[in-house]
C-alpha atoms as a PDB file:
ATOM      1  CA  UNK A   1      64.274  95.606 103.243  1.00  0.00           C
ATOM      2  CA  UNK A   2      67.922  94.663 101.703  1.00  0.00           C
ATOM      3  CA  UNK A   3      70.342  97.362 102.289  1.00  0.00           C
ATOM      4  CA  UNK A   4      73.198  98.493 100.462  1.00  0.00           C
ATOM      5  CA  UNK A   5      74.731 100.349 103.101  1.00  0.00           C
ATOM      6  CA  UNK A   6      77.948  99.638 105.183  1.00  0.00           C
ATOM      7  CA  UNK A   7      76.591  99.886 108.984  1.00  0.00           C
ATOM      8  CA  UNK A   8      79.626 102.265 109.483  1.00  0.00           C
ATOM      9  CA  UNK A   9      77.939 104.362 106.817  1.00  0.00           C
ATOM     10  CA  UNK A  10      74.399 103.960 108.548  1.00  0.00           C
ATOM     11  CA  UNK A  11      76.066 105.131 112.421  1.00  0.00           C
ATOM     12  CA  UNK A  12      77.538 108.410 110.446  1.00  0.00           C
ATOM     13  CA  UNK A  13      74.133 109.409 108.601  1.00  0.00           C
ATOM     14  CA  UNK A  14      72.563 108.773 112.050  1.00  0.00           C
ATOM     15  CA  UNK A  15      75.035 110.921 114.079  1.00  0.00           C
ATOM     16  CA  UNK A  16      74.695 113.960 111.130  1.00  0.00           C
ATOM     17  CA  UNK A  17      71.055 113.500 111.224  1.00  0.00           C
ATOM     18  CA  UNK A  18      70.924 114.335 114.993  1.00  0.00           C
ATOM     19  CA  UNK A  19      72.691 117.588 114.416  1.00  0.00           C
ATOM     20  CA  UNK A  20      71.291 118.310 111.577  1.00  0.00           C
ATOM     21  CA  UNK A  21      68.334 121.514 111.544  1.00  0.00           C
ATOM     22  CA  UNK A  22      67.098 122.297 107.953  1.00  0.00           C
ATOM     23  CA  UNK A  23      63.520 122.167 108.185  1.00  0.00           C
ATOM     24  CA  UNK A  24      63.235 124.041 104.888  1.00  0.00           C
ATOM     25  CA  UNK A  25      64.606 121.072 102.821  1.00  0.00           C
ATOM     26  CA  UNK A  26      62.302 117.768 101.523  1.00  0.00           C
ATOM     27  CA  UNK A  27      63.165 114.183 102.096  1.00  0.00           C
ATOM     28  CA  UNK A  28      65.231 113.887  98.813  1.00  0.00           C
ATOM     29  CA  UNK A  29      66.786 117.088  99.528  1.00  0.00           C
ATOM     30  CA  UNK A  30      68.221 116.163 102.726  1.00  0.00           C
ATOM     31  CA  UNK A  31      69.457 112.675 102.018  1.00  0.00           C
ATOM     32  CA  UNK A  32      71.653 115.035  99.292  1.00  0.00           C
ATOM     33  CA  UNK A  33      72.947 117.010 101.899  1.00  0.00           C
ATOM     34  CA  UNK A  34      73.862 113.615 104.700  1.00  0.00           C
ATOM     35  CA  UNK A  35      75.357 112.394 101.827  1.00  0.00           C
ATOM     36  CA  UNK A  36      77.391 115.565 101.045  1.00  0.00           C
ATOM     37  CA  UNK A  37      78.476 116.139 105.000  1.00  0.00           C
ATOM     38  CA  UNK A  38      79.172 112.675 105.139  1.00  0.00           C
ATOM     39  CA  UNK A  39      81.579 112.745 102.172  1.00  0.00           C
ATOM     40  CA  UNK A  40      83.485 116.274 103.578  1.00  0.00           C
ATOM     41  CA  UNK A  41      83.032 115.678 107.024  1.00  0.00           C
ATOM     42  CA  UNK A  42      81.602 119.417 106.633  1.00  0.00           C
ATOM     43  CA  UNK A  43      78.315 120.847 108.699  1.00  0.00           C
ATOM     44  CA  UNK A  44      78.445 124.012 106.743  1.00  0.00           C
ATOM     45  CA  UNK A  45      78.489 122.765 103.266  1.00  0.00           C
ATOM     46  CA  UNK A  46      74.910 123.716 103.907  1.00  0.00           C
ATOM     47  CA  UNK A  47      74.974 127.112 103.492  1.00  0.00           C
ATOM     48  CA  UNK A  48      76.304 126.293 100.025  1.00  0.00           C
ATOM     49  CA  UNK A  49      73.931 124.109  98.472  1.00  0.00           C
ATOM     50  CA  UNK A  50      71.267 125.238  96.270  1.00  0.00           C
ATOM     51  CA  UNK A  51      68.571 122.892  94.458  1.00  0.00           C
ATOM     52  CA  UNK A  52      66.622 124.089  92.193  1.00  0.00           C
ATOM     53  CA  UNK A  53      62.572 123.415  92.220  1.00  0.00           C
ATOM     54  CA  UNK A  54      62.023 119.225  92.095  1.00  0.00           C
ATOM     55  CA  UNK A  55      65.847 118.649  90.818  1.00  0.00           C
ATOM     56  CA  UNK A  56      65.777 115.690  93.211  1.00  0.00           C
ATOM     57  CA  UNK A  57      62.714 114.239  92.366  1.00  0.00           C
ATOM     58  CA  UNK A  58      63.524 114.822  88.536  1.00  0.00           C
ATOM     59  CA  UNK A  59      67.237 113.033  88.951  1.00  0.00           C
ATOM     60  CA  UNK A  60      65.463 110.246  90.627  1.00  0.00           C
ATOM     61  CA  UNK A  61      62.544 109.939  87.728  1.00  0.00           C
ATOM     62  CA  UNK A  62      65.642 110.365  85.338  1.00  0.00           C
ATOM     63  CA  UNK A  63      67.402 107.183  87.000  1.00  0.00           C
ATOM     64  CA  UNK A  64      64.266 104.971  86.982  1.00  0.00           C
ATOM     65  CA  UNK A  65      63.709 105.949  83.160  1.00  0.00           C
ATOM     66  CA  UNK A  66      67.022 104.519  82.761  1.00  0.00           C
ATOM     67  CA  UNK A  67      68.981 107.568  82.121  1.00  0.00           C
ATOM     68  CA  UNK A  68      72.967 107.832  81.893  1.00  0.00           C
ATOM     69  CA  UNK A  69      75.082 109.705  83.656  1.00  0.00           C
ATOM     70  CA  UNK A  70      77.660 111.474  82.097  1.00  0.00           C
ATOM     71  CA  UNK A  71      80.795 112.571  84.344  1.00  0.00           C
ATOM     72  CA  UNK A  72      83.587 115.711  83.664  1.00  0.00           C
ATOM     73  CA  UNK A  73      86.406 113.305  84.903  1.00  0.00           C
ATOM     74  CA  UNK A  74      87.736 109.727  85.192  1.00  0.00           C
ATOM     75  CA  UNK A  75      87.848 110.278  88.733  1.00  0.00           C
ATOM     76  CA  UNK A  76      84.285 110.996  89.131  1.00  0.00           C
ATOM     77  CA  UNK A  77      82.828 108.096  87.108  1.00  0.00           C
ATOM     78  CA  UNK A  78      84.984 105.954  89.408  1.00  0.00           C
ATOM     79  CA  UNK A  79      83.210 106.879  92.236  1.00  0.00           C
ATOM     80  CA  UNK A  80      79.587 106.473  90.836  1.00  0.00           C
ATOM     81  CA  UNK A  81      80.278 103.053  89.143  1.00  0.00           C
ATOM     82  CA  UNK A  82      79.834 101.414  92.208  1.00  0.00           C
ATOM     83  CA  UNK A  83      76.640 102.189  93.347  1.00  0.00           C
ATOM     84  CA  UNK A  84      75.571 102.944  89.774  1.00  0.00           C
ATOM     85  CA  UNK A  85      76.123  99.070  89.157  1.00  0.00           C
ATOM     86  CA  UNK A  86      74.702  98.097  92.690  1.00  0.00           C
ATOM     87  CA  UNK A  87      71.380  99.778  92.159  1.00  0.00           C
ATOM     88  CA  UNK A  88      70.134 101.074  89.086  1.00  0.00           C
ATOM     89  CA  UNK A  89      72.427  99.618  86.962  1.00  0.00           C
ATOM     90  CA  UNK A  90      72.724 102.670  85.228  1.00  0.00           C
ATOM     91  CA  UNK A  91      75.190 103.207  82.455  1.00  0.00           C
ATOM     92  CA  UNK A  92      78.453 105.766  83.608  1.00  0.00           C
ATOM     93  CA  UNK A  93      80.551 107.572  80.766  1.00  0.00           C
ATOM     94  CA  UNK A  94      83.330 110.517  80.936  1.00  0.00           C
ATOM     95  CA  UNK A  95      83.516 113.298  78.869  1.00  0.00           C
ATOM     96  CA  UNK A  96      87.128 112.550  78.232  1.00  0.00           C
ATOM     97  CA  UNK A  97      86.188 109.651  76.069  1.00  0.00           C
ATOM     98  CA  UNK A  98      85.048 112.085  73.457  1.00  0.00           C
ATOM     99  CA  UNK A  99      88.217 114.730  73.936  1.00  0.00           C
ATOM    100  CA  UNK A 100      90.908 115.009  72.099  1.00  0.00           C
ATOM    101  CA  UNK A 101      94.411 113.557  73.155  1.00  0.00           C
ATOM    102  CA  UNK A 102      95.306 117.741  73.832  1.00  0.00           C
ATOM    103  CA  UNK A 103      93.551 120.919  75.061  1.00  0.00           C
ATOM    104  CA  UNK A 104      93.989 123.463  72.518  1.00  0.00           C
ATOM    105  CA  UNK A 105      92.621 127.348  71.722  1.00  0.00           C
ATOM    106  CA  UNK A 106      93.043 128.124  75.223  1.00  0.00           C
ATOM    107  CA  UNK A 107      89.990 125.347  76.274  1.00  0.00           C
ATOM    108  CA  UNK A 108      89.924 122.324  78.336  1.00  0.00           C
ATOM    109  CA  UNK A 109      90.065 118.942  76.757  1.00  0.00           C
ATOM    110  CA  UNK A 110      86.792 118.048  78.755  1.00  0.00           C
ATOM    111  CA  UNK A 111      85.771 121.617  77.337  1.00  0.00           C
ATOM    112  CA  UNK A 112      86.656 120.529  73.720  1.00  0.00           C
ATOM    113  CA  UNK A 113      84.931 116.973  74.441  1.00  0.00           C
ATOM    114  CA  UNK A 114      81.510 117.986  76.102  1.00  0.00           C
ATOM    115  CA  UNK A 115      79.857 118.913  72.428  1.00  0.00           C
ATOM    116  CA  UNK A 116      80.443 115.513  70.920  1.00  0.00           C
ATOM    117  CA  UNK A 117      80.081 113.615  74.008  1.00  0.00           C
ATOM    118  CA  UNK A 118      76.223 115.244  74.858  1.00  0.00           C
ATOM    119  CA  UNK A 119      75.547 114.886  71.262  1.00  0.00           C
ATOM    120  CA  UNK A 120      76.091 110.861  70.867  1.00  0.00           C
ATOM    121  CA  UNK A 121      74.652 110.529  74.358  1.00  0.00           C
ATOM    122  CA  UNK A 122      71.417 113.114  74.108  1.00  0.00           C
ATOM    123  CA  UNK A 123      70.299 111.332  70.946  1.00  0.00           C
ATOM    124  CA  UNK A 124      69.712 108.207  71.761  1.00  0.00           C
ATOM    125  CA  UNK A 125      67.953 109.572  75.033  1.00  0.00           C
ATOM    126  CA  UNK A 126      64.117 111.420  74.945  1.00  0.00           C
ATOM    127  CA  UNK A 127      63.164 114.021  77.532  1.00  0.00           C
ATOM    128  CA  UNK A 128      62.175 111.763  80.120  1.00  0.00           C
ATOM    129  CA  UNK A 129      65.845 109.976  80.227  1.00  0.00           C
ATOM    130  CA  UNK A 130      67.906 112.443  78.992  1.00  0.00           C
ATOM    131  CA  UNK A 131      71.381 112.127  80.999  1.00  0.00           C
ATOM    132  CA  UNK A 132      72.357 113.508  84.486  1.00  0.00           C
ATOM    133  CA  UNK A 133      75.328 115.239  84.074  1.00  0.00           C
ATOM    134  CA  UNK A 134      77.768 116.566  86.579  1.00  0.00           C
ATOM    135  CA  UNK A 135      80.501 118.607  87.100  1.00  0.00           C
ATOM    136  CA  UNK A 136      83.321 118.805  89.892  1.00  0.00           C
ATOM    137  CA  UNK A 137      85.892 119.752  87.885  1.00  0.00           C
ATOM    138  CA  UNK A 138      85.487 121.088  84.361  1.00  0.00           C
ATOM    139  CA  UNK A 139      83.635 124.767  84.850  1.00  0.00           C
ATOM    140  CA  UNK A 140      84.924 125.539  81.308  1.00  0.00           C
ATOM    141  CA  UNK A 141      82.939 122.435  80.018  1.00  0.00           C
ATOM    142  CA  UNK A 142      79.892 123.348  82.038  1.00  0.00           C
ATOM    143  CA  UNK A 143      79.923 126.618  80.198  1.00  0.00           C
ATOM    144  CA  UNK A 144      79.937 125.064  76.953  1.00  0.00           C
ATOM    145  CA  UNK A 145      76.829 123.030  77.409  1.00  0.00           C
ATOM    146  CA  UNK A 146      75.308 125.520  78.941  1.00  0.00           C
ATOM    147  CA  UNK A 147      75.871 127.323  75.456  1.00  0.00           C
ATOM    148  CA  UNK A 148      74.860 124.250  73.441  1.00  0.00           C
ATOM    149  CA  UNK A 149      71.455 124.286  75.508  1.00  0.00           C
ATOM    150  CA  UNK A 150      70.719 127.676  74.804  1.00  0.00           C
ATOM    151  CA  UNK A 151      71.207 126.876  71.309  1.00  0.00           C
ATOM    152  CA  UNK A 152      68.717 124.390  71.423  1.00  0.00           C
ATOM    153  CA  UNK A 153      70.375 121.286  72.488  1.00  0.00           C
ATOM    154  CA  UNK A 154      68.840 119.103  74.837  1.00  0.00           C
ATOM    155  CA  UNK A 155      68.458 119.494  78.184  1.00  0.00           C
ATOM    156  CA  UNK A 156      69.905 117.219  80.905  1.00  0.00           C
ATOM    157  CA  UNK A 157      67.404 115.303  82.972  1.00  0.00           C
ATOM    158  CA  UNK A 158      69.597 116.874  85.600  1.00  0.00           C
ATOM    159  CA  UNK A 159      72.843 119.115  86.151  1.00  0.00           C
ATOM    160  CA  UNK A 160      75.209 119.001  89.188  1.00  0.00           C
ATOM    161  CA  UNK A 161      76.956 121.778  88.948  1.00  0.00           C
ATOM    162  CA  UNK A 162      80.170 121.890  91.374  1.00  0.00           C
ATOM    163  CA  UNK A 163      83.389 122.196  89.874  1.00  0.00           C
ATOM    164  CA  UNK A 164      85.601 123.492  92.651  1.00  0.00           C
ATOM    165  CA  UNK A 165      88.601 126.107  92.274  1.00  0.00           C
ATOM    166  CA  UNK A 166      89.137 129.771  91.477  1.00  0.00           C
ATOM    167  CA  UNK A 167      89.415 130.399  87.641  1.00  0.00           C
ATOM    168  CA  UNK A 168      85.848 130.244  86.065  1.00  0.00           C
ATOM    169  CA  UNK A 169      84.448 128.344  88.779  1.00  0.00           C
ATOM    170  CA  UNK A 170      82.000 131.371  90.052  1.00  0.00           C
ATOM    171  CA  UNK A 171      81.119 132.571  86.471  1.00  0.00           C
ATOM    172  CA  UNK A 172      79.982 129.437  85.510  1.00  0.00           C
ATOM    173  CA  UNK A 173      77.938 128.473  88.292  1.00  0.00           C
ATOM    174  CA  UNK A 174      76.650 132.320  88.026  1.00  0.00           C
ATOM    175  CA  UNK A 175      75.580 131.128  84.511  1.00  0.00           C
ATOM    176  CA  UNK A 176      73.889 127.815  85.249  1.00  0.00           C
ATOM    177  CA  UNK A 177      72.038 129.505  88.167  1.00  0.00           C
ATOM    178  CA  UNK A 178      70.750 131.961  85.823  1.00  0.00           C
ATOM    179  CA  UNK A 179      69.097 129.371  83.155  1.00  0.00           C
ATOM    180  CA  UNK A 180      65.776 127.535  84.278  1.00  0.00           C
ATOM    181  CA  UNK A 181      67.529 123.725  84.531  1.00  0.00           C
ATOM    182  CA  UNK A 182      66.995 121.281  87.043  1.00  0.00           C
ATOM    183  CA  UNK A 183      70.127 121.710  88.805  1.00  0.00           C
ATOM    184  CA  UNK A 184      71.920 121.045  92.391  1.00  0.00           C
ATOM    185  CA  UNK A 185      74.719 123.445  92.964  1.00  0.00           C
ATOM    186  CA  UNK A 186      77.519 124.505  95.255  1.00  0.00           C
ATOM    187  CA  UNK A 187      77.741 127.805  95.275  1.00  0.00           C
ATOM    188  CA  UNK A 188      80.917 129.592  95.979  1.00  0.00           C
ATOM    189  CA  UNK A 189      84.451 128.084  95.274  1.00  0.00           C
ATOM    190  CA  UNK A 190      83.632 124.920  97.106  1.00  0.00           C
ATOM    191  CA  UNK A 191      83.254 121.452  94.880  1.00  0.00           C
ATOM    192  CA  UNK A 192      84.891 118.705  93.046  1.00  0.00           C
ATOM    193  CA  UNK A 193      84.635 115.532  92.124  1.00  0.00           C
ATOM    194  CA  UNK A 194      83.899 113.686  95.650  1.00  0.00           C
ATOM    195  CA  UNK A 195      80.989 116.169  96.035  1.00  0.00           C
ATOM    196  CA  UNK A 196      79.568 115.593  92.812  1.00  0.00           C
ATOM    197  CA  UNK A 197      79.694 112.169  92.607  1.00  0.00           C
ATOM    198  CA  UNK A 198      78.153 111.918  96.199  1.00  0.00           C
ATOM    199  CA  UNK A 199      75.225 114.091  94.650  1.00  0.00           C
ATOM    200  CA  UNK A 200      74.808 111.854  92.552  1.00  0.00           C
ATOM    201  CA  UNK A 201      75.254 108.480  94.589  1.00  0.00           C
ATOM    202  CA  UNK A 202      72.176 109.819  96.802  1.00  0.00           C
ATOM    203  CA  UNK A 203      70.458 110.295  94.039  1.00  0.00           C
ATOM    204  CA  UNK A 204      71.214 106.157  92.812  1.00  0.00           C
ATOM    205  CA  UNK A 205      70.356 104.975  96.801  1.00  0.00           C
ATOM    206  CA  UNK A 206      67.299 107.496  96.753  1.00  0.00           C
ATOM    207  CA  UNK A 207      66.310 105.253  93.104  1.00  0.00           C
ATOM    208  CA  UNK A 208      67.048 102.211  94.665  1.00  0.00           C
ATOM    209  CA  UNK A 209      65.064 102.237  97.696  1.00  0.00           C
ATOM    210  CA  UNK A 210      61.769 103.519  95.815  1.00  0.00           C
ATOM    211  CA  UNK A 211      62.199 101.131  93.462  1.00  0.00           C
ATOM    212  CA  UNK A 212      62.836  98.097  96.350  1.00  0.00           C
ATOM    213  CA  UNK A 213      59.728  99.374  98.252  1.00  0.00           C
ATOM    214  CA  UNK A 214      57.251  99.444  94.819  1.00  0.00           C
ATOM    215  CA  UNK A 215      58.585  95.921  94.169  1.00  0.00           C
ATOM    216  CA  UNK A 216      57.609  94.901  97.776  1.00  0.00           C
ATOM    217  CA  UNK A 217      54.261  96.470  97.924  1.00  0.00           C
ATOM    218  CA  UNK A 218      53.153  94.692  94.509  1.00  0.00           C
ATOM    219  CA  UNK A 219      53.933  91.878  96.212  1.00  0.00           C
ATOM    220  CA  UNK A 220      51.857  91.963  99.085  1.00  0.00           C
END
């Protein structure tokens, strides 16, 4: 099978696997955890990582159905774009493309842009390919999205909830944890664009590997 990974990455994953013990996680969840450990250099991140039931499977299915990816920062979009291009050719968008030039009313630009971004993207996709959305830096925008969903907006195929920091971060993650939505979270104050992007990149890699395996089987 054609590989999309650098040999050094493969060696790093083998090192991580040799020291990782997580029998409670399924194969896809382990792949996400491995990618997060590789990104952070921190085996302790396992203690803060939470998956809703079948979250990874739903994310992979959405990517295979053509779901777009929506990020909360340009940094996260830049980290996802190369993997998306090499694998599923998923379109990658940033909430800030819909945001006003300046924040107002005590809200961040991302929080102000999420409603327009979600309305525009989700209206073109059905429930099977509704966007995957990741948060690494914008807890207020996550809260706004959850409010939209509570009021009847389309639910994402998957929410990657990993905003980092101290202001509104714990509150936004708690609110997410209380909603019946497909989600992958880093609980506590940890998170960030790199971790959120690493999570979706792990799912993109898994989607691509499944696609290649199916293609090989159909050719036999």
